Every structure is written in structure tokens, then in C-alpha cells.
Amino acid sequence: MNSTSRNSLAYFNRVLAPGIVQHRFHRVPDWDTQFGPRTPEYTVLLVMKNGGVYSLISFEKSHTSLIGPAEGLVHPTDIIQNQRGPALFVTGGFFLHFPSYFKPPGGEPLHNEFFNWTVGETSLTQNSVPFDPAYADVMKKRVMSDGSFYTTGPSLNEELDLSMPHFTRVNSPAGRYHYLAYDDTGHPIPNPIWKDLQAFDRTYNDILNSKAYHVMGGPSLAIELECLRQTGRVVKKQRDGSVKVASVRPAHTHIRTSWAFAPTNLSHATQPNERSGIS
């Protein structure tokens, strides 16, 4: 498709720079009367849902490269400010922003030294952790024209099997795209220990605010707190001055699947507005 196609309510394009064209498709009610059945516009709109919008930017003779810091956090504008244009800059990849909430298959929660590490192999840095093997068939090694690469996916050209497995199979590969466990009626299953976690926090606050804590309870409470920290729990202070320990993330009001704790899992694929991938 090129930039000579006529614009309409169902299709619009504009030239951003020589050889770079933005295309926008919108499946409005009369889309099929605006283009002939053998036109590129008709072909794209045919497979879209009513009311759907699809945008893309096409390049002629494009060159691609992966850029970014080898470690640490850098503002995106600092990464691209010295790059020559015209160019399109797109963010990508998976990163561990909360390492202690994740753990490799059969392993312990990751420690904070993994903060901001990349998930999946990349040419930018050695600081990476592998994807869970359950997603090996949908992850892609994306190689740029200059040889740089990173790992991402799944491909937007392939359909994912997002069907809901029975909750007894949710932690098997059949449930790898599901963040929560659902019962037979389609409702998320409540976490049976959630009230116990809240009760722990209430007790913790009572002890913390008691006079006895300063005389007798201090050491034992510190030990309890350290044990919780080792399982990925942190102290979170509330606006009213109280603190949460047991009921902060990764605790949850509903049962989360084992995939929710896999480093950069794809269990969010069934969550609203969380579909990601490459074409």
C-alpha cells in the first residue's frame, strides 16, 4: 500500500518524511462501500472488527538498530537525542521492575540486585534473566539490520490460545496466559488466606503501637519482619500512619496462577489493554 491511496472515513494516510508513511484504518459501518474488494484497504478492513482502529507506519529501505543503556535507568529522550533522523523510535522488551515479586521455575524470589534486568537475551547487556521455558514457542529473537537483537513476543501475526482452562489445570501450560484462577462460573477464586494476611497487619500495627513492644516485642517482631522480607514482602506505610507487611504485593485478594510470578510472564495477555507483541 502506498501514499497515493485516497483518504476516507475508513482509511487515511499521510507522508511523515520521504519514504515514511502513516496509515490509519477505521472499520466504520459503510467501510465496504468505500473500496473495491481487491484493494489493499479492503483486504485490511475485512479482517478487522466493527469499530476497530488499526494504525501503522511503513518504511521504504529501512534500517533498524537496538539502542539503550547496558545497565541502570536512562530517560528515553537521553537515549535518542544524538540519533540521526528521520527515524521512528519504539520502546520494546521486558524488564524486572519488581524483582522480589518474581521467581524462576521452582526457584526462590529474585533479589533486588536484579532490578531493571532485561528478561530474555539481548545484545545490549549481559544483565538478563531467561524467559520461562513455557513461553519458548512464542518468544522471538528480534534481530535488527545492524545485527543487534533482543527477545520479545508473541507475534501479532499469530493467534494465541487464550481459552480459559479449568481451574484445576490453571498452573499447567494450558493456563500460561492467565493471571488469575477462575471457578466454574467464571469468577476469580478468592484468596483463602487474604483475611489472615490482613489480620497479621492489624496485629503488627497493634504491637508496633503498644508500650510492650518497646520492652519485650521488638526483637521477635524484627525477626518476623526479616522472614517476610525474604519472601518478597516489604513494609508499606499508609497515609493514616499504619503499615502493611503481609498483605502488600505479591499478596492478592484472588488466587493468582503460578504464571503470575514467572519473570516477565505472558499471563497478562488476558488482562484488559495488555496485549503486546511484534509483527
Protein backbone atom coordinates (compact mmCIF):
# COMPACT_ATOMS: atom_id res chain seq x y z
CA MET A 1 0.00 0.00 0.00
CA ASN A 2 1.35 3.41 -0.86
CA SER A 3 0.62 7.03 -0.05
CA THR A 4 -1.39 7.60 -3.25
CA SER A 5 -4.48 5.83 -1.85
CA ARG A 6 -7.43 8.16 -1.38
CA ASN A 7 -8.35 9.18 2.15
CA SER A 8 -11.80 8.44 3.58
CA LEU A 9 -13.51 7.81 6.89
CA ALA A 10 -12.34 4.20 6.75
CA TYR A 11 -8.75 4.86 5.66
CA PHE A 12 -6.34 7.76 5.99
CA ASN A 13 -2.65 8.21 5.25
CA ARG A 14 -0.07 10.96 5.38
CA VAL A 15 3.62 11.25 4.49
CA LEU A 16 5.74 11.86 7.61
CA ALA A 17 9.07 12.01 5.75
CA PRO A 18 10.38 10.74 2.40
CA GLY A 19 9.68 7.00 2.34
CA ILE A 20 7.83 7.06 5.69
CA VAL A 21 4.02 6.94 5.57
CA GLN A 22 1.45 6.72 8.35
CA HIS A 23 -1.65 4.60 7.63
CA ARG A 24 -4.83 4.53 9.71
CA PHE A 25 -7.73 2.10 9.22
CA HIS A 26 -11.11 2.54 10.90
CA ARG A 27 -13.86 -0.01 10.30
CA VAL A 28 -16.86 2.32 10.14
CA PRO A 29 -20.37 1.00 9.28
CA ASP A 30 -20.09 1.61 5.49
CA TRP A 31 -16.41 0.69 5.10
CA ASP A 32 -17.16 -1.93 2.43
CA THR A 33 -18.70 0.69 0.10
CA GLN A 34 -15.63 2.91 0.13
CA PHE A 35 -13.16 0.49 -1.52
CA GLY A 36 -13.29 -2.25 -4.07
CA PRO A 37 -12.96 -5.88 -2.87
CA ARG A 38 -9.49 -6.29 -4.43
CA THR A 39 -7.91 -3.16 -2.99
CA PRO A 40 -5.34 -3.28 -0.16
CA GLU A 41 -7.60 -1.14 2.03
CA TYR A 42 -10.49 -3.59 1.66
CA THR A 43 -8.21 -6.53 2.48
CA VAL A 44 -7.13 -4.97 5.77
CA LEU A 45 -10.57 -3.75 6.84
CA LEU A 46 -12.12 -7.13 6.03
CA VAL A 47 -10.32 -8.86 8.92
CA MET A 48 -10.94 -6.07 11.45
CA LYS A 49 -13.76 -5.88 13.98
CA ASN A 50 -16.57 -3.32 13.63
CA GLY A 51 -15.44 -0.05 15.15
CA GLY A 52 -11.84 -1.24 15.28
CA VAL A 53 -8.90 1.07 14.54
CA TYR A 54 -5.53 -0.05 13.22
CA SER A 55 -2.56 2.25 12.69
CA LEU A 56 0.84 1.54 11.18
CA ILE A 57 3.85 3.37 9.81
CA SER A 58 5.50 1.94 6.71
CA PHE A 59 9.13 2.47 5.69
CA GLU A 60 10.96 2.12 2.41
CA LYS A 61 14.54 0.78 2.59
CA SER A 62 14.56 0.98 6.37
CA HIS A 63 17.48 0.22 8.67
CA THR A 64 16.91 -0.91 12.24
CA SER A 65 19.07 -0.85 15.35
CA LEU A 66 18.65 -1.61 19.05
CA ILE A 67 19.85 1.16 21.35
CA GLY A 68 19.79 1.60 25.10
CA PRO A 69 21.90 1.55 28.27
CA ALA A 70 23.87 -1.53 29.29
CA GLU A 71 22.65 -1.05 32.87
CA GLY A 72 20.72 1.35 35.04
CA LEU A 73 17.86 3.70 34.19
CA VAL A 74 18.10 6.35 31.47
CA HIS A 75 15.38 8.72 30.31
CA PRO A 76 14.21 7.81 26.78
CA THR A 77 14.98 11.27 25.42
CA ASP A 78 18.57 10.91 26.61
CA ILE A 79 18.88 7.68 24.64
CA ILE A 80 17.67 9.11 21.34
CA GLN A 81 18.84 12.74 21.47
CA ASN A 82 22.03 12.11 19.48
CA GLN A 83 20.45 9.80 16.90
CA ARG A 84 20.16 11.00 13.31
CA GLY A 85 16.78 11.13 11.59
CA PRO A 86 14.31 10.86 10.17
CA ALA A 87 13.64 7.86 12.39
CA LEU A 88 10.93 6.16 14.39
CA PHE A 89 11.80 5.22 17.98
CA VAL A 90 9.81 2.39 19.58
CA THR A 91 10.14 1.03 23.09
CA GLY A 92 10.35 -2.72 23.50
CA GLY A 93 11.47 -5.63 25.62
CA PHE A 94 10.62 -6.90 29.10
CA PHE A 95 12.26 -5.74 32.34
CA LEU A 96 12.18 -6.65 36.03
CA HIS A 97 10.95 -3.57 37.86
CA PHE A 98 9.95 -5.53 41.00
CA PRO A 99 12.37 -8.49 41.13
CA SER A 100 11.18 -9.80 44.52
CA TYR A 101 7.70 -10.41 43.08
CA PHE A 102 9.03 -12.93 40.56
CA LYS A 103 10.82 -16.25 40.74
CA PRO A 104 12.26 -18.64 38.15
CA PRO A 105 10.62 -22.08 37.75
CA GLY A 106 10.98 -23.93 41.05
CA GLY A 107 13.20 -21.19 42.48
CA GLU A 108 13.12 -18.54 45.17
CA PRO A 109 12.01 -14.93 44.62
CA LEU A 110 14.61 -12.85 42.82
CA HIS A 111 16.63 -10.35 44.85
CA ASN A 112 16.84 -6.61 44.30
CA GLU A 113 20.19 -6.85 42.53
CA PHE A 114 18.13 -7.96 39.52
CA PHE A 115 16.32 -4.63 39.44
CA ASN A 116 15.74 -3.46 35.85
CA TRP A 117 17.46 -6.51 34.37
CA THR A 118 16.24 -7.49 30.91
CA VAL A 119 14.18 -10.64 30.51
CA GLY A 120 15.37 -12.60 27.51
CA GLU A 121 18.70 -12.48 25.70
CA THR A 122 19.83 -9.16 24.21
CA SER A 123 22.97 -7.74 22.61
CA LEU A 124 22.81 -4.64 24.82
CA THR A 125 23.78 -6.21 28.13
CA GLN A 126 24.72 -9.39 29.96
CA ASN A 127 22.30 -8.43 32.74
CA SER A 128 19.37 -10.60 31.73
CA VAL A 129 17.30 -13.47 33.07
CA PRO A 130 15.74 -16.15 30.82
CA PHE A 131 12.08 -16.42 29.92
CA ASP A 132 10.12 -19.25 31.44
CA PRO A 133 10.52 -22.29 29.13
CA ALA A 134 6.71 -22.49 28.86
CA TYR A 135 6.80 -19.46 26.55
CA ALA A 136 9.73 -20.61 24.39
CA ASP A 137 7.48 -21.33 21.39
CA VAL A 138 6.07 -17.79 21.22
CA MET A 139 9.12 -15.71 22.11
CA LYS A 140 11.04 -14.21 19.20
CA LYS A 141 14.68 -13.19 18.88
CA ARG A 142 14.28 -9.91 17.04
CA VAL A 143 17.44 -9.20 15.03
CA MET A 144 17.99 -5.67 13.71
CA SER A 145 19.58 -4.89 10.35
CA ASP A 146 22.85 -3.97 12.11
CA GLY A 147 22.98 -7.30 13.98
CA SER A 148 21.81 -6.03 17.37
CA PHE A 149 18.97 -8.04 18.92
CA TYR A 150 16.60 -8.59 21.82
CA THR A 151 13.96 -11.15 22.77
CA THR A 152 10.28 -10.32 22.66
CA GLY A 153 6.90 -11.61 21.59
CA PRO A 154 4.46 -13.04 20.95
CA SER A 155 4.00 -12.27 17.28
CA LEU A 156 0.91 -10.29 16.36
CA ASN A 157 0.73 -12.37 13.19
CA GLU A 158 -0.21 -15.48 15.18
CA GLU A 159 -3.33 -16.22 17.20
CA LEU A 160 -2.84 -17.16 20.86
CA ASP A 161 -4.96 -19.84 22.52
CA LEU A 162 -6.42 -17.72 25.31
CA SER A 163 -9.19 -20.17 26.18
CA MET A 164 -9.81 -20.50 29.90
CA PRO A 165 -8.70 -23.88 31.30
CA HIS A 166 -10.47 -25.49 34.23
CA PHE A 167 -9.05 -24.05 37.45
CA THR A 168 -7.54 -27.44 38.30
CA ARG A 169 -5.28 -27.03 35.23
CA VAL A 170 -4.55 -23.32 35.53
CA ASN A 171 -0.96 -23.91 36.71
CA SER A 172 -0.24 -26.26 33.81
CA PRO A 173 0.91 -24.98 30.37
CA ALA A 174 -2.80 -24.68 29.47
CA GLY A 175 -3.06 -21.73 31.84
CA ARG A 176 0.11 -19.88 30.85
CA TYR A 177 -1.84 -16.85 29.55
CA HIS A 178 -3.99 -16.46 32.66
CA TYR A 179 -3.17 -14.25 35.63
CA LEU A 180 -5.99 -15.39 37.95
CA ALA A 181 -7.69 -18.70 38.67
CA TYR A 182 -11.42 -18.74 37.84
CA ASP A 183 -14.14 -21.03 39.15
CA ASP A 184 -16.75 -22.87 37.09
CA THR A 185 -18.97 -19.76 36.99
CA GLY A 186 -16.20 -17.61 35.50
CA HIS A 187 -15.45 -15.63 38.66
CA PRO A 188 -11.94 -15.23 40.13
CA ILE A 189 -11.39 -17.51 43.13
CA PRO A 190 -10.89 -15.55 46.39
CA ASN A 191 -7.56 -15.96 48.16
CA PRO A 192 -8.43 -18.08 51.25
CA ILE A 193 -5.64 -16.53 53.35
CA TRP A 194 -6.29 -12.90 52.39
CA LYS A 195 -8.17 -12.19 55.65
CA ASP A 196 -5.34 -13.85 57.58
CA LEU A 197 -2.84 -11.54 55.89
CA GLN A 198 -4.94 -8.51 56.81
CA ALA A 199 -5.24 -9.85 60.36
CA PHE A 200 -1.45 -10.13 60.55
CA ASP A 201 -1.11 -6.49 59.55
CA ARG A 202 -3.62 -5.41 62.20
CA THR A 203 -1.72 -7.40 64.83
CA TYR A 204 1.56 -5.98 63.58
CA ASN A 205 0.25 -2.43 63.97
CA ASP A 206 -1.15 -3.17 67.43
CA ILE A 207 2.22 -4.47 68.58
CA LEU A 208 4.08 -1.64 66.90
CA ASN A 209 1.97 0.92 68.74
CA SER A 210 2.00 -0.83 72.11
CA LYS A 211 4.23 0.01 75.04
CA ALA A 212 5.07 -3.66 75.45
CA TYR A 213 6.74 -3.68 72.03
CA HIS A 214 9.48 -1.38 73.24
CA VAL A 215 10.12 -3.60 76.25
CA MET A 216 9.58 -7.16 75.01
CA GLY A 217 8.28 -7.38 71.44
CA GLY A 218 10.99 -5.62 69.49
CA PRO A 219 13.44 -8.44 68.71
CA SER A 220 10.82 -11.07 67.83
CA LEU A 221 8.93 -8.66 65.61
CA ALA A 222 12.16 -7.75 63.80
CA ILE A 223 12.83 -11.45 63.13
CA GLU A 224 9.30 -11.90 61.80
CA LEU A 225 9.73 -8.89 59.55
CA GLU A 226 13.02 -10.17 58.17
CA CYS A 227 11.42 -13.54 57.34
CA LEU A 228 8.69 -11.73 55.42
CA ARG A 229 11.26 -9.65 53.57
CA GLN A 230 12.99 -12.83 52.41
CA THR A 231 9.75 -13.93 50.75
CA GLY A 232 9.45 -10.67 48.84
CA ARG A 233 7.31 -8.72 51.33
CA VAL A 234 8.08 -5.09 52.16
CA VAL A 235 6.81 -2.61 54.71
CA LYS A 236 4.39 -0.19 53.08
CA LYS A 237 3.37 2.84 55.12
CA GLN A 238 -0.20 4.06 54.72
CA ARG A 239 -1.48 7.63 54.83
CA ASP A 240 -3.01 7.07 58.27
CA GLY A 241 0.40 6.11 59.68
CA SER A 242 -0.27 2.37 59.80
CA VAL A 243 1.84 -0.11 57.88
CA LYS A 244 1.20 -3.13 55.68
CA VAL A 245 3.55 -6.08 55.60
CA ALA A 246 1.80 -9.37 54.87
CA SER A 247 -0.99 -8.03 52.65
CA VAL A 248 1.10 -5.92 50.27
CA ARG A 249 2.07 -7.31 46.89
CA PRO A 250 2.64 -10.07 45.96
CA ALA A 251 -0.37 -10.89 48.15
CA HIS A 252 -3.67 -10.63 46.31
CA THR A 253 -7.40 -10.74 47.08
CA HIS A 254 -7.80 -13.51 44.49
CA ILE A 255 -5.73 -16.58 43.74
CA ARG A 256 -3.06 -15.82 41.17
CA THR A 257 -1.64 -18.54 38.99
CA SER A 258 1.95 -19.70 39.16
CA TRP A 259 2.47 -17.89 35.83
CA ALA A 260 1.86 -14.54 37.54
CA PHE A 261 5.19 -14.99 39.31
CA ALA A 262 7.28 -16.16 36.34
CA PRO A 263 9.83 -13.50 35.24
CA THR A 264 8.05 -11.39 32.63
CA ASN A 265 5.22 -13.83 32.23
CA LEU A 266 2.60 -13.56 29.50
CA SER A 267 -0.29 -14.24 31.86
CA HIS A 268 -1.32 -10.61 31.39
CA ALA A 269 -2.37 -11.44 27.82
CA THR A 270 -5.96 -11.92 29.02
CA GLN A 271 -5.99 -8.74 31.10
CA PRO A 272 -7.61 -5.57 29.59
CA ASN A 273 -5.32 -3.47 27.39
CA GLU A 274 -2.35 -5.74 27.99
CA ARG A 275 -1.90 -7.42 24.59
CA SER A 276 1.65 -6.89 23.40
CA GLY A 277 3.81 -8.37 20.71
CA ILE A 278 5.67 -7.94 17.44
CA SER A 279 4.71 -8.42 13.82
